PDB file of N, CA and C in Angstrom:
ATOM      1  N   MET A   1     169.968 179.055 146.234  1.00  0.00           N
ATOM      2  CA  MET A   1     169.155 179.504 145.116  1.00  0.00           C
ATOM      3  C   MET A   1     169.616 180.872 144.610  1.00  0.00           C
ATOM      4  N   ILE A   2     169.990 181.758 145.531  1.00  0.00           N
ATOM      5  CA  ILE A   2     170.440 183.096 145.157  1.00  0.00           C
ATOM      6  C   ILE A   2     171.697 183.008 144.285  1.00  0.00           C
ATOM      7  N   LYS A   3     172.654 182.184 144.680  1.00  0.00           N
ATOM      8  CA  LYS A   3     173.879 182.011 143.889  1.00  0.00           C
ATOM      9  C   LYS A   3     173.570 181.411 142.527  1.00  0.00           C
ATOM     10  N   PHE A   4     172.630 180.466 142.464  1.00  0.00           N
ATOM     11  CA  PHE A   4     172.231 179.869 141.185  1.00  0.00           C
ATOM     12  C   PHE A   4     171.690 180.932 140.240  1.00  0.00           C
ATOM     13  N   LEU A   5     170.799 181.780 140.728  1.00  0.00           N
ATOM     14  CA  LEU A   5     170.232 182.852 139.903  1.00  0.00           C
ATOM     15  C   LEU A   5     171.326 183.789 139.404  1.00  0.00           C
ATOM     16  N   GLU A   6     172.199 184.178 140.323  1.00  0.00           N
ATOM     17  CA  GLU A   6     173.267 185.109 139.969  1.00  0.00           C
ATOM     18  C   GLU A   6     174.186 184.528 138.896  1.00  0.00           C
ATOM     19  N   TRP A   7     174.720 183.340 139.137  1.00  0.00           N
ATOM     20  CA  TRP A   7     175.736 182.790 138.236  1.00  0.00           C
ATOM     21  C   TRP A   7     175.154 182.238 136.939  1.00  0.00           C
ATOM     22  N   THR A   8     173.965 181.702 136.972  1.00  0.00           N
ATOM     23  CA  THR A   8     173.332 181.265 135.728  1.00  0.00           C
ATOM     24  C   THR A   8     173.015 182.472 134.862  1.00  0.00           C
ATOM     25  N   GLY A   9     172.563 183.550 135.478  1.00  0.00           N
ATOM     26  CA  GLY A   9     172.316 184.787 134.746  1.00  0.00           C
ATOM     27  C   GLY A   9     173.592 185.353 134.140  1.00  0.00           C
ATOM     28  N   VAL A  10     174.681 185.304 134.876  1.00  0.00           N
ATOM     29  CA  VAL A  10     175.964 185.813 134.378  1.00  0.00           C
ATOM     30  C   VAL A  10     176.463 184.967 133.207  1.00  0.00           C
ATOM     31  N   ILE A  11     176.404 183.654 133.339  1.00  0.00           N
ATOM     32  CA  ILE A  11     176.892 182.760 132.279  1.00  0.00           C
ATOM     33  C   ILE A  11     176.062 182.917 131.009  1.00  0.00           C
ATOM     34  N   THR A  12     174.741 183.005 131.142  1.00  0.00           N
ATOM     35  CA  THR A  12     173.917 183.177 129.947  1.00  0.00           C
ATOM     36  C   THR A  12     174.168 184.539 129.291  1.00  0.00           C
ATOM     37  N   ALA A  13     174.458 185.569 130.081  1.00  0.00           N
ATOM     38  CA  ALA A  13     174.776 186.884 129.511  1.00  0.00           C
ATOM     39  C   ALA A  13     176.106 186.846 128.761  1.00  0.00           C
ATOM     40  N   ILE A  14     177.074 186.127 129.294  1.00  0.00           N
ATOM     41  CA  ILE A  14     178.366 185.988 128.619  1.00  0.00           C
ATOM     42  C   ILE A  14     178.183 185.261 127.286  1.00  0.00           C
ATOM     43  N   LEU A  15     177.423 184.172 127.304  1.00  0.00           N
ATOM     44  CA  LEU A  15     177.182 183.427 126.066  1.00  0.00           C
ATOM     45  C   LEU A  15     176.439 184.282 125.046  1.00  0.00           C
ATOM     46  N   TYR A  16     175.462 185.052 125.508  1.00  0.00           N
ATOM     47  CA  TYR A  16     174.734 185.969 124.618  1.00  0.00           C
ATOM     48  C   TYR A  16     175.706 186.893 123.899  1.00  0.00           C
ATOM     49  N   SER A  17     176.573 187.531 124.658  1.00  0.00           N
ATOM     50  CA  SER A  17     177.467 188.514 124.047  1.00  0.00           C
ATOM     51  C   SER A  17     178.427 187.860 123.060  1.00  0.00           C
ATOM     52  N   LEU A  18     178.888 186.665 123.366  1.00  0.00           N
ATOM     53  CA  LEU A  18     179.774 185.954 122.434  1.00  0.00           C
ATOM     54  C   LEU A  18     179.044 185.556 121.158  1.00  0.00           C
ATOM     55  N   PHE A  19     177.841 185.030 121.288  1.00  0.00           N
ATOM     56  CA  PHE A  19     177.086 184.586 120.110  1.00  0.00           C
ATOM     57  C   PHE A  19     176.780 185.746 119.169  1.00  0.00           C
ATOM     58  N   VAL A  20     176.438 186.893 119.721  1.00  0.00           N
ATOM     59  CA  VAL A  20     176.117 188.045 118.877  1.00  0.00           C
ATOM     60  C   VAL A  20     177.402 188.632 118.288  1.00  0.00           C
ATOM     61  N   ALA A  21     178.451 188.742 119.081  1.00  0.00           N
ATOM     62  CA  ALA A  21     179.694 189.350 118.609  1.00  0.00           C
ATOM     63  C   ALA A  21     180.390 188.504 117.543  1.00  0.00           C
ATOM     64  N   LEU A  22     180.294 187.184 117.640  1.00  0.00           N
ATOM     65  CA  LEU A  22     180.958 186.314 116.677  1.00  0.00           C
ATOM     66  C   LEU A  22     180.283 186.325 115.307  1.00  0.00           C
ATOM     67  N   ASN A  23     179.017 186.719 115.268  1.00  0.00           N
ATOM     68  CA  ASN A  23     178.282 186.820 114.008  1.00  0.00           C
ATOM     69  C   ASN A  23     178.362 185.514 113.198  1.00  0.00           C
ATOM     70  N   ILE A  24     178.004 184.414 113.868  1.00  0.00           N
ATOM     71  CA  ILE A  24     178.074 183.098 113.227  1.00  0.00           C
ATOM     72  C   ILE A  24     176.691 182.464 113.059  1.00  0.00           C
ATOM     73  N   GLY A  25     175.676 183.295 113.063  1.00  0.00           N
ATOM     74  CA  GLY A  25     174.328 182.795 112.844  1.00  0.00           C
ATOM     75  C   GLY A  25     173.593 182.370 114.101  1.00  0.00           C
ATOM     76  N   LEU A  26     174.130 182.694 115.254  1.00  0.00           N
ATOM     77  CA  LEU A  26     173.478 182.314 116.516  1.00  0.00           C
ATOM     78  C   LEU A  26     172.836 183.511 117.215  1.00  0.00           C
ATOM     79  N   GLU A  27     172.493 184.532 116.431  1.00  0.00           N
ATOM     80  CA  GLU A  27     171.940 185.742 117.026  1.00  0.00           C
ATOM     81  C   GLU A  27     170.611 185.491 117.737  1.00  0.00           C
ATOM     82  N   PHE A  28     169.726 184.700 117.137  1.00  0.00           N
ATOM     83  CA  PHE A  28     168.439 184.445 117.786  1.00  0.00           C
ATOM     84  C   PHE A  28     168.658 183.731 119.122  1.00  0.00           C
ATOM     85  N   LEU A  29     169.530 182.728 119.124  1.00  0.00           N
ATOM     86  CA  LEU A  29     169.852 182.039 120.373  1.00  0.00           C
ATOM     87  C   LEU A  29     170.471 183.013 121.365  1.00  0.00           C
ATOM     88  N   GLY A  30     171.332 183.882 120.879  1.00  0.00           N
ATOM     89  CA  GLY A  30     171.956 184.869 121.756  1.00  0.00           C
ATOM     90  C   GLY A  30     170.942 185.785 122.411  1.00  0.00           C
ATOM     91  N   PHE A  31     170.005 186.307 121.629  1.00  0.00           N
ATOM     92  CA  PHE A  31     168.987 187.182 122.211  1.00  0.00           C
ATOM     93  C   PHE A  31     168.055 186.412 123.155  1.00  0.00           C
ATOM     94  N   SER A  32     167.841 185.141 122.880  1.00  0.00           N
ATOM     95  CA  SER A  32     167.068 184.305 123.808  1.00  0.00           C
ATOM     96  C   SER A  32     167.803 184.191 125.137  1.00  0.00           C
ATOM     97  N   LEU A  33     169.123 184.010 125.061  1.00  0.00           N
ATOM     98  CA  LEU A  33     169.924 183.928 126.284  1.00  0.00           C
ATOM     99  C   LEU A  33     169.936 185.261 127.033  1.00  0.00           C
ATOM    100  N   LEU A  34     169.935 186.365 126.288  1.00  0.00           N
ATOM    101  CA  LEU A  34     169.850 187.678 126.939  1.00  0.00           C
ATOM    102  C   LEU A  34     168.551 187.788 127.731  1.00  0.00           C
ATOM    103  N   PHE A  35     167.450 187.349 127.138  1.00  0.00           N
ATOM    104  CA  PHE A  35     166.165 187.397 127.831  1.00  0.00           C
ATOM    105  C   PHE A  35     166.188 186.518 129.086  1.00  0.00           C
ATOM    106  N   ILE A  36     166.710 185.300 128.949  1.00  0.00           N
ATOM    107  CA  ILE A  36     166.799 184.390 130.103  1.00  0.00           C
ATOM    108  C   ILE A  36     167.690 184.998 131.187  1.00  0.00           C
ATOM    109  N   SER A  37     168.831 185.534 130.776  1.00  0.00           N
ATOM    110  CA  SER A  37     169.749 186.155 131.717  1.00  0.00           C
ATOM    111  C   SER A  37     169.085 187.298 132.475  1.00  0.00           C
ATOM    112  N   SER A  38     168.395 188.159 131.746  1.00  0.00           N
ATOM    113  CA  SER A  38     167.759 189.302 132.403  1.00  0.00           C
ATOM    114  C   SER A  38     166.665 188.857 133.364  1.00  0.00           C
ATOM    115  N   PHE A  39     165.970 187.784 133.008  1.00  0.00           N
ATOM    116  CA  PHE A  39     164.944 187.246 133.900  1.00  0.00           C
ATOM    117  C   PHE A  39     165.586 186.722 135.196  1.00  0.00           C
ATOM    118  N   LEU A  40     166.641 185.925 135.056  1.00  0.00           N
ATOM    119  CA  LEU A  40     167.297 185.342 136.233  1.00  0.00           C
ATOM    120  C   LEU A  40     167.932 186.416 137.117  1.00  0.00           C
ATOM    121  N   ILE A  41     168.659 187.339 136.497  1.00  0.00           N
ATOM    122  CA  ILE A  41     169.296 188.389 137.285  1.00  0.00           C
ATOM    123  C   ILE A  41     168.243 189.342 137.851  1.00  0.00           C
ATOM    124  N   GLY A  42     167.132 189.507 137.138  1.00  0.00           N
ATOM    125  CA  GLY A  42     166.036 190.323 137.665  1.00  0.00           C
ATOM    126  C   GLY A  42     165.444 189.728 138.934  1.00  0.00           C
ATOM    127  N   ILE A  43     165.247 188.413 138.941  1.00  0.00           N
ATOM    128  CA  ILE A  43     164.749 187.750 140.162  1.00  0.00           C
ATOM    129  C   ILE A  43     165.758 187.906 141.285  1.00  0.00           C
ATOM    130  N   TRP A  44     167.036 187.684 140.954  1.00  0.00           N
ATOM    131  CA  TRP A  44     168.109 187.835 141.938  1.00  0.00           C
ATOM    132  C   TRP A  44     168.098 189.247 142.529  1.00  0.00           C
ATOM    133  N   ALA A  45     168.003 190.257 141.663  1.00  0.00           N
ATOM    134  CA  ALA A  45     168.003 191.649 142.116  1.00  0.00           C
ATOM    135  C   ALA A  45     166.785 191.954 142.979  1.00  0.00           C
ATOM    136  N   TYR A  46     165.633 191.430 142.587  1.00  0.00           N
ATOM    137  CA  TYR A  46     164.411 191.665 143.362  1.00  0.00           C
ATOM    138  C   TYR A  46     164.533 191.059 144.764  1.00  0.00           C
ATOM    139  N   LYS A  47     165.040 189.824 144.838  1.00  0.00           N
ATOM    140  CA  LYS A  47     165.167 189.149 146.133  1.00  0.00           C
ATOM    141  C   LYS A  47     166.131 189.879 147.069  1.00  0.00           C
ATOM    142  N   LEU A  48     167.136 190.544 146.479  1.00  0.00           N
ATOM    143  CA  LEU A  48     168.124 191.259 147.292  1.00  0.00           C
ATOM    144  C   LEU A  48     167.853 192.763 147.364  1.00  0.00           C
ATOM    145  N   SER A  49     166.723 193.195 146.830  1.00  0.00           N
ATOM    146  CA  SER A  49     166.308 194.604 146.837  1.00  0.00           C
ATOM    147  C   SER A  49     167.289 195.527 146.116  1.00  0.00           C
ATOM    148  N   TYR A  50     167.844 195.038 144.997  1.00  0.00           N
ATOM    149  CA  TYR A  50     168.704 195.860 144.142  1.00  0.00           C
ATOM    150  C   TYR A  50     167.829 196.424 143.027  1.00  0.00           C
ATOM    151  N   MET A  51     167.115 197.479 143.334  1.00  0.00           N
ATOM    152  CA  MET A  51     166.116 197.997 142.403  1.00  0.00           C
ATOM    153  C   MET A  51     166.733 198.604 141.137  1.00  0.00           C
ATOM    154  N   GLY A  52     167.916 199.179 141.239  1.00  0.00           N
ATOM    155  CA  GLY A  52     168.582 199.712 140.060  1.00  0.00           C
ATOM    156  C   GLY A  52     168.946 198.600 139.081  1.00  0.00           C
ATOM    157  N   ILE A  53     169.466 197.515 139.601  1.00  0.00           N
ATOM    158  CA  ILE A  53     169.805 196.362 138.765  1.00  0.00           C
ATOM    159  C   ILE A  53     168.533 195.746 138.191  1.00  0.00           C
ATOM    160  N   LEU A  54     167.482 195.699 138.966  1.00  0.00           N
ATOM    161  CA  LEU A  54     166.200 195.171 138.480  1.00  0.00           C
ATOM    162  C   LEU A  54     165.682 196.000 137.307  1.00  0.00           C
ATOM    163  N   LEU A  55     165.736 197.320 137.434  1.00  0.00           N
ATOM    164  CA  LEU A  55     165.300 198.187 136.341  1.00  0.00           C
ATOM    165  C   LEU A  55     166.150 197.949 135.088  1.00  0.00           C
ATOM    166  N   LEU A  56     167.443 197.816 135.264  1.00  0.00           N
ATOM    167  CA  LEU A  56     168.330 197.538 134.140  1.00  0.00           C
ATOM    168  C   LEU A  56     167.949 196.232 133.449  1.00  0.00           C
ATOM    169  N   GLN A  57     167.579 195.222 134.218  1.00  0.00           N
ATOM    170  CA  GLN A  57     167.204 193.932 133.646  1.00  0.00           C
ATOM    171  C   GLN A  57     165.900 194.006 132.861  1.00  0.00           C
ATOM    172  N   VAL A  58     165.004 194.896 133.267  1.00  0.00           N
ATOM    173  CA  VAL A  58     163.771 195.108 132.497  1.00  0.00           C
ATOM    174  C   VAL A  58     164.130 195.607 131.097  1.00  0.00           C
ATOM    175  N   PHE A  59     165.080 196.525 131.026  1.00  0.00           N
ATOM    176  CA  PHE A  59     165.499 197.039 129.718  1.00  0.00           C
ATOM    177  C   PHE A  59     166.253 195.982 128.920  1.00  0.00           C
ATOM    178  N   TYR A  60     167.067 195.162 129.573  1.00  0.00           N
ATOM    179  CA  TYR A  60     167.758 194.076 128.871  1.00  0.00           C
ATOM    180  C   TYR A  60     166.757 193.057 128.349  1.00  0.00           C
ATOM    181  N   ALA A  61     165.738 192.742 129.136  1.00  0.00           N
ATOM    182  CA  ALA A  61     164.707 191.807 128.678  1.00  0.00           C
ATOM    183  C   ALA A  61     163.988 192.366 127.464  1.00  0.00           C
ATOM    184  N   THR A  62     163.711 193.657 127.482  1.00  0.00           N
ATOM    185  CA  THR A  62     163.076 194.299 126.336  1.00  0.00           C
ATOM    186  C   THR A  62     163.969 194.207 125.104  1.00  0.00           C
ATOM    187  N   ALA A  63     165.262 194.447 125.284  1.00  0.00           N
ATOM    188  CA  ALA A  63     166.208 194.330 124.168  1.00  0.00           C
ATOM    189  C   ALA A  63     166.254 192.896 123.644  1.00  0.00           C
ATOM    190  N   GLY A  64     166.185 191.924 124.547  1.00  0.00           N
ATOM    191  CA  GLY A  64     166.165 190.525 124.129  1.00  0.00           C
ATOM    192  C   GLY A  64     164.938 190.197 123.294  1.00  0.00           C
ATOM    193  N   ILE A  65     163.795 190.696 123.708  1.00  0.00           N
ATOM    194  CA  ILE A  65     162.556 190.460 122.963  1.00  0.00           C
ATOM    195  C   ILE A  65     162.616 191.121 121.588  1.00  0.00           C
ATOM    196  N   ILE A  66     163.102 192.358 121.554  1.00  0.00           N
ATOM    197  CA  ILE A  66     163.238 193.051 120.272  1.00  0.00           C
ATOM    198  C   ILE A  66     164.214 192.308 119.368  1.00  0.00           C
ATOM    199  N   GLY A  67     165.322 191.872 119.908  1.00  0.00           N
ATOM    200  CA  GLY A  67     166.306 191.129 119.132  1.00  0.00           C
ATOM    201  C   GLY A  67     165.741 189.830 118.573  1.00  0.00           C
ATOM    202  N   MET A  68     165.015 189.092 119.398  1.00  0.00           N
ATOM    203  CA  MET A  68     164.413 187.837 118.923  1.00  0.00           C
ATOM    204  C   MET A  68     163.407 188.114 117.826  1.00  0.00           C
ATOM    205  N   TYR A  69     162.603 189.151 117.994  1.00  0.00           N
ATOM    206  CA  TYR A  69     161.599 189.509 116.986  1.00  0.00           C
ATOM    207  C   TYR A  69     162.252 189.864 115.657  1.00  0.00           C
ATOM    208  N   ARG A  70     163.313 190.661 115.725  1.00  0.00           N
ATOM    209  CA  ARG A  70     163.960 191.124 114.495  1.00  0.00           C
ATOM    210  C   ARG A  70     164.732 190.013 113.792  1.00  0.00           C
ATOM    211  N   TRP A  71     165.248 189.038 114.526  1.00  0.00           N
ATOM    212  CA  TRP A  71     166.013 187.967 113.907  1.00  0.00           C
ATOM    213  C   TRP A  71     165.160 186.783 113.511  1.00  0.00           C
ATOM    214  N   PHE A  72     163.921 186.758 113.940  1.00  0.00           N
ATOM    215  CA  PHE A  72     163.040 185.625 113.592  1.00  0.00           C
ATOM    216  C   PHE A  72     162.525 185.745 112.232  1.00  0.00           C
TER     217      PHE A  72
END
C-alpha cells in the first residue's frame, strides 16, 4: 500500500505538470491531479512520519484547489 501511495502520487504529479505546461486546455484536469497527488503523497508522508513532506503536500493541495477554482 505504501508503494502504491508513493508511485500513484508521483505519476499524477507528473501528469499534472505536463497538462499545465503544455497549455492544451487540460488545466482543470491538471489541477485536479495535483490535488489527488498531494492527497496520496500526504497520506504516504504521514504513514512514514515525513512531516516536512506532509506540510508541503498541504500547500500543494491548496494550490490544486485554487487552480481548480480559477479554471472552472
